[in-house]
Amino acid sequence: MSKLDALYLSNDDFSIVSEWNCEIFLQNLSILHEDMIVIPSSNPYSKIMINIDGLDEQILNDVYGKFCLGRAFWERLQFEPMFSMEDSTIICEIKCKQFGDMKRGLLFDNPMSSKVHQTADIKAATLDKVVIDVKFHCKNYGDAVNRTDVFQLFNEYMNSLVMSQLEFKIPLVFSHTTRYRLVEHEKYIGTVSKCLDNSQTVTPSIVKIISKDKTSTTVFRILHDIAGAQKLVNKYKEHNGTTILPQVFEKTPTTAKRS
């Protein structure tokens, strides 16, 4: 089990405050750490559970409906999502289309069971569930909760959770680019391992390299796009004392000072 730091979010006028806590559970009571490779579970399926406190039944149902509309997110990750609701808990079970028992055996179990494999180097684990606990508090007791504010808070937290935590900690589950890259390279992994070690024992190490590549994260891709946009701007800035920027105003300075 790995517990993330609590996060507090509010709407614009601070009339609603929300407290968010998240815990990551692995099967067999494994403890999540950096050198671990974590993949989805096939039996039972890994799940995301959201325990909600402080919302009435109607808004709970509306929130559940919004999560069901997020099916495309999971399908892009090559999961088949199955949504359900029990009391005030939203449950999303994710059936992985990428990691079956046979593939797990080829990539992890068989190589790591070899006597020549250094088991201390890499550990493979299976994701059991991600549990999110959220509590909503109104500034004035008895005030009605604005559902639009609730939707925005859910959207902000879930996006932040995936981008800043889950893609980094469990990329083979939550990073689209990491999962895609593994699919693209897995047909070569066995050959590369054979060339390096004359066996399949290097296979988990190659998978780990793919999973730990931070350029696969959404955060990196956003920063990369921003840097690319800045390069485009710089291209049109002053060059050798001249500028090719459109001179809307006569004698427009290349760099303007803001007061």
Protein backbone atom coordinates (compact mmCIF):
# COMPACT_ATOMS: atom_id res chain seq x y z
CA MET A 1 0.00 0.00 0.00
CA SER A 2 1.22 3.50 -0.85
CA LYS A 3 -0.56 6.56 0.49
CA LEU A 4 -0.33 9.87 -1.34
CA ASP A 5 -0.34 13.25 0.37
CA ALA A 6 -3.76 14.74 1.02
CA LEU A 7 -4.90 17.51 -1.31
CA TYR A 8 -7.39 20.30 -0.57
CA LEU A 9 -9.33 22.03 -3.34
CA SER A 10 -12.01 24.72 -3.28
CA ASN A 11 -14.25 26.49 -5.74
CA ASP A 12 -13.64 30.11 -6.74
CA ASP A 13 -15.45 31.74 -3.81
CA PHE A 14 -14.29 29.15 -1.24
CA SER A 15 -17.90 28.24 -0.44
CA ILE A 16 -17.02 24.57 -1.07
CA VAL A 17 -13.86 22.92 0.21
CA SER A 18 -12.91 19.36 -0.67
CA GLU A 19 -10.38 17.01 0.94
CA TRP A 20 -8.84 14.29 -1.23
CA ASN A 21 -6.87 11.26 -0.12
CA CYS A 22 -5.55 8.46 -2.32
CA GLU A 23 -4.04 5.05 -1.59
CA ILE A 24 -2.54 2.58 -4.06
CA PHE A 25 -2.91 -1.11 -3.19
CA LEU A 26 -0.89 -3.90 -4.80
CA GLN A 27 -1.76 -7.58 -4.68
CA ASN A 28 -0.06 -9.78 -2.07
CA LEU A 29 0.40 -6.73 0.17
CA SER A 30 3.40 -5.56 -1.82
CA ILE A 31 4.76 -2.11 -1.03
CA LEU A 32 5.18 0.21 -4.01
CA HIS A 33 8.71 1.48 -4.65
CA GLU A 34 10.63 3.03 -7.54
CA ASP A 35 12.35 -0.13 -8.81
CA MET A 36 9.09 -2.03 -9.05
CA ILE A 37 7.26 -2.81 -12.28
CA VAL A 38 3.49 -2.72 -11.73
CA ILE A 39 1.03 -4.11 -14.27
CA PRO A 40 -2.78 -4.45 -14.23
CA SER A 41 -4.45 -7.47 -12.69
CA SER A 42 -6.37 -9.89 -14.89
CA ASN A 43 -8.07 -11.90 -12.14
CA PRO A 44 -9.69 -10.08 -10.50
CA TYR A 45 -9.49 -6.91 -12.56
CA SER A 46 -7.74 -3.86 -11.14
CA LYS A 47 -10.18 -1.21 -10.01
CA ILE A 48 -10.47 2.45 -9.15
CA MET A 49 -12.74 3.17 -6.20
CA ILE A 50 -13.94 6.65 -5.23
CA ASN A 51 -15.58 6.98 -1.81
CA ILE A 52 -17.59 10.22 -1.69
CA ASP A 53 -18.84 12.00 1.42
CA GLY A 54 -20.86 15.21 1.63
CA LEU A 55 -22.98 15.04 -1.55
CA ASP A 56 -26.68 14.30 -1.88
CA GLU A 57 -27.96 11.35 -3.90
CA GLN A 58 -28.84 13.36 -7.00
CA ILE A 59 -25.41 14.94 -7.34
CA LEU A 60 -23.79 11.57 -6.60
CA ASN A 61 -25.70 10.09 -9.53
CA ASP A 62 -24.66 13.01 -11.73
CA VAL A 63 -21.00 12.53 -10.76
CA TYR A 64 -21.31 8.82 -11.55
CA GLY A 65 -22.76 9.70 -14.95
CA LYS A 66 -19.79 11.95 -15.66
CA PHE A 67 -17.36 9.15 -14.85
CA CYS A 68 -19.19 6.81 -17.19
CA LEU A 69 -18.70 9.41 -19.93
CA GLY A 70 -14.94 9.07 -19.38
CA ARG A 71 -14.95 5.65 -21.06
CA ALA A 72 -12.80 6.96 -23.94
CA PHE A 73 -9.92 7.68 -21.53
CA TRP A 74 -9.73 4.03 -20.47
CA GLU A 75 -10.25 2.69 -23.97
CA ARG A 76 -7.32 4.79 -25.18
CA LEU A 77 -5.23 3.04 -22.52
CA GLN A 78 -6.38 -0.31 -23.96
CA PHE A 79 -8.73 -1.11 -21.09
CA GLU A 80 -12.35 -2.14 -21.14
CA PRO A 81 -13.91 -0.16 -18.26
CA MET A 82 -16.84 -1.49 -16.26
CA PHE A 83 -18.57 1.12 -14.09
CA SER A 84 -20.78 0.51 -11.08
CA MET A 85 -21.92 2.31 -7.95
CA GLU A 86 -22.42 0.96 -4.45
CA ASP A 87 -23.95 3.38 -1.96
CA SER A 88 -21.68 6.45 -2.21
CA THR A 89 -18.76 4.64 -3.87
CA ILE A 90 -18.03 4.80 -7.59
CA ILE A 91 -16.21 1.72 -8.89
CA CYS A 92 -14.41 1.37 -12.21
CA GLU A 93 -13.01 -2.08 -12.98
CA ILE A 94 -10.51 -2.07 -15.83
CA LYS A 95 -10.07 -5.15 -18.00
CA CYS A 96 -6.65 -4.93 -19.64
CA LYS A 97 -6.47 -5.82 -23.33
CA GLN A 98 -2.67 -5.67 -23.33
CA PHE A 99 -1.39 -7.83 -20.45
CA GLY A 100 -2.74 -11.36 -20.42
CA ASP A 101 -1.38 -14.22 -18.33
CA MET A 102 0.71 -15.48 -21.25
CA LYS A 103 2.34 -12.10 -21.87
CA ARG A 104 3.06 -11.61 -18.18
CA GLY A 105 4.75 -15.02 -18.16
CA LEU A 106 6.92 -14.18 -21.16
CA LEU A 107 7.93 -10.71 -19.99
CA PHE A 108 8.26 -11.23 -16.23
CA ASP A 109 7.49 -14.55 -14.57
CA ASN A 110 9.59 -16.89 -16.72
CA PRO A 111 12.73 -14.70 -16.93
CA MET A 112 12.56 -13.77 -13.24
CA SER A 113 12.19 -17.39 -12.17
CA SER A 114 15.49 -18.23 -13.87
CA LYS A 115 18.32 -19.12 -11.52
CA VAL A 116 20.66 -16.69 -13.27
CA HIS A 117 18.29 -13.76 -12.85
CA GLN A 118 19.15 -11.41 -10.01
CA THR A 119 15.75 -11.22 -8.33
CA ALA A 120 16.87 -8.38 -6.07
CA ASP A 121 17.24 -6.05 -9.03
CA ILE A 122 13.66 -5.93 -10.28
CA LYS A 123 10.34 -6.74 -8.66
CA ALA A 124 7.12 -7.19 -10.60
CA ALA A 125 3.81 -6.54 -8.88
CA THR A 126 0.15 -6.39 -9.81
CA LEU A 127 -2.15 -3.44 -9.17
CA ASP A 128 -5.09 -4.35 -6.97
CA LYS A 129 -6.87 -1.02 -6.66
CA VAL A 130 -6.57 2.72 -6.38
CA VAL A 131 -8.82 4.06 -3.62
CA ILE A 132 -9.77 7.73 -3.50
CA ASP A 133 -11.57 9.23 -0.49
CA VAL A 134 -13.12 12.65 -0.98
CA LYS A 135 -15.06 14.78 1.49
CA PHE A 136 -16.98 17.92 0.53
CA HIS A 137 -17.56 20.70 3.08
CA CYS A 138 -19.79 23.76 2.64
CA LYS A 139 -18.76 27.08 4.17
CA ASN A 140 -22.27 27.66 5.50
CA TYR A 141 -23.97 24.58 6.92
CA GLY A 142 -27.09 23.67 4.99
CA ASP A 143 -26.10 25.46 1.78
CA ALA A 144 -26.83 23.61 -1.43
CA VAL A 145 -23.77 22.31 -3.26
CA ASN A 146 -23.37 23.62 -6.79
CA ARG A 147 -22.99 20.59 -9.07
CA THR A 148 -20.90 22.56 -11.58
CA ASP A 149 -18.36 23.33 -8.84
CA VAL A 150 -18.33 19.66 -7.84
CA PHE A 151 -17.68 18.59 -11.43
CA GLN A 152 -14.81 21.07 -11.74
CA LEU A 153 -13.21 19.85 -8.51
CA PHE A 154 -13.46 16.22 -9.61
CA ASN A 155 -12.01 17.09 -13.00
CA GLU A 156 -9.13 19.05 -11.47
CA TYR A 157 -8.22 16.34 -8.96
CA MET A 158 -8.49 13.37 -11.31
CA ASN A 159 -6.41 15.06 -14.01
CA SER A 160 -3.80 16.07 -11.44
CA LEU A 161 -3.74 12.58 -9.91
CA VAL A 162 -3.13 10.86 -13.23
CA MET A 163 -0.61 13.38 -14.59
CA SER A 164 1.47 14.06 -11.47
CA GLN A 165 1.27 10.73 -9.63
CA LEU A 166 -0.12 7.67 -11.38
CA GLU A 167 1.70 8.12 -14.70
CA PHE A 168 4.99 8.33 -12.78
CA LYS A 169 4.35 5.62 -10.19
CA ILE A 170 2.46 3.07 -12.33
CA PRO A 171 3.23 3.93 -15.98
CA LEU A 172 2.42 0.46 -17.34
CA VAL A 173 -1.15 1.02 -16.14
CA PHE A 174 -1.82 4.74 -16.46
CA SER A 175 0.54 6.09 -19.16
CA HIS A 176 -0.83 5.74 -22.68
CA THR A 177 2.57 6.43 -24.26
CA THR A 178 4.39 3.90 -22.06
CA ARG A 179 1.86 1.18 -22.82
CA TYR A 180 1.99 2.01 -26.53
CA ARG A 181 5.79 1.94 -26.59
CA LEU A 182 5.84 -1.47 -24.93
CA VAL A 183 3.47 -2.82 -27.58
CA GLU A 184 5.69 -1.37 -30.31
CA HIS A 185 8.87 -2.89 -28.89
CA GLU A 186 7.77 -6.14 -27.26
CA LYS A 187 8.31 -8.19 -30.42
CA TYR A 188 12.00 -7.22 -30.30
CA ILE A 189 12.57 -7.51 -26.54
CA GLY A 190 13.21 -11.24 -26.57
CA THR A 191 15.74 -10.95 -29.39
CA VAL A 192 17.57 -8.07 -27.70
CA SER A 193 17.68 -9.99 -24.41
CA LYS A 194 19.05 -13.05 -26.20
CA CYS A 195 21.78 -10.98 -27.83
CA LEU A 196 22.78 -9.32 -24.57
CA ASP A 197 22.75 -12.33 -22.27
CA ASN A 198 22.15 -15.37 -24.46
CA SER A 199 18.91 -15.87 -22.52
CA GLN A 200 15.62 -14.15 -21.72
CA THR A 201 16.71 -12.98 -18.28
CA VAL A 202 17.33 -9.39 -19.40
CA THR A 203 13.72 -9.02 -20.58
CA PRO A 204 12.38 -7.50 -17.30
CA SER A 205 15.24 -4.97 -17.33
CA ILE A 206 14.30 -3.85 -20.85
CA VAL A 207 10.65 -3.50 -19.83
CA LYS A 208 11.77 -1.47 -16.82
CA ILE A 209 13.75 0.90 -19.06
CA ILE A 210 10.63 1.47 -21.17
CA SER A 211 8.41 1.98 -18.13
CA LYS A 212 10.80 4.42 -16.44
CA ASP A 213 11.21 6.66 -19.48
CA LYS A 214 9.80 9.98 -18.23
CA THR A 215 9.42 11.31 -21.78
CA SER A 216 6.29 9.15 -21.91
CA THR A 217 4.48 11.24 -19.32
CA THR A 218 1.85 13.84 -20.16
CA VAL A 219 3.80 16.43 -18.16
CA PHE A 220 6.89 15.97 -20.33
CA ARG A 221 4.87 16.17 -23.54
CA ILE A 222 3.21 19.40 -22.39
CA LEU A 223 6.59 20.94 -21.54
CA HIS A 224 7.97 19.73 -24.87
CA ASP A 225 5.09 21.38 -26.74
CA ILE A 226 5.57 24.62 -24.79
CA ALA A 227 9.29 24.60 -25.61
CA GLY A 228 8.46 24.02 -29.26
CA ALA A 229 6.09 26.97 -29.23
CA GLN A 230 8.79 29.16 -27.67
CA LYS A 231 11.25 28.15 -30.38
CA LEU A 232 8.68 29.20 -32.96
CA VAL A 233 8.34 32.60 -31.29
CA ASN A 234 12.13 33.00 -31.13
CA LYS A 235 12.35 32.25 -34.83
CA TYR A 236 10.49 35.47 -35.55
CA LYS A 237 12.34 37.65 -33.06
CA GLU A 238 15.16 40.02 -33.86
CA HIS A 239 17.94 38.54 -36.00
CA ASN A 240 21.09 40.53 -36.89
CA GLY A 241 19.52 43.82 -35.90
CA THR A 242 16.32 43.28 -37.89
CA THR A 243 13.01 41.66 -37.21
CA ILE A 244 10.57 39.81 -39.43
CA LEU A 245 7.72 40.34 -37.01
CA PRO A 246 4.85 42.31 -38.58
CA GLN A 247 5.31 45.99 -37.71
CA VAL A 248 1.77 46.95 -36.91
CA PHE A 249 2.97 50.14 -35.23
CA GLU A 250 5.79 52.21 -36.68
CA LYS A 251 9.18 51.47 -35.10
CA THR A 252 7.78 48.69 -32.94
CA PRO A 253 10.56 47.61 -30.56
CA THR A 254 11.55 43.97 -30.74
CA THR A 255 11.24 43.60 -26.99
CA ALA A 256 8.58 45.66 -25.27
CA LYS A 257 8.71 46.59 -21.62
CA ARG A 258 5.61 46.01 -19.53
CA SER A 259 4.69 48.66 -17.04
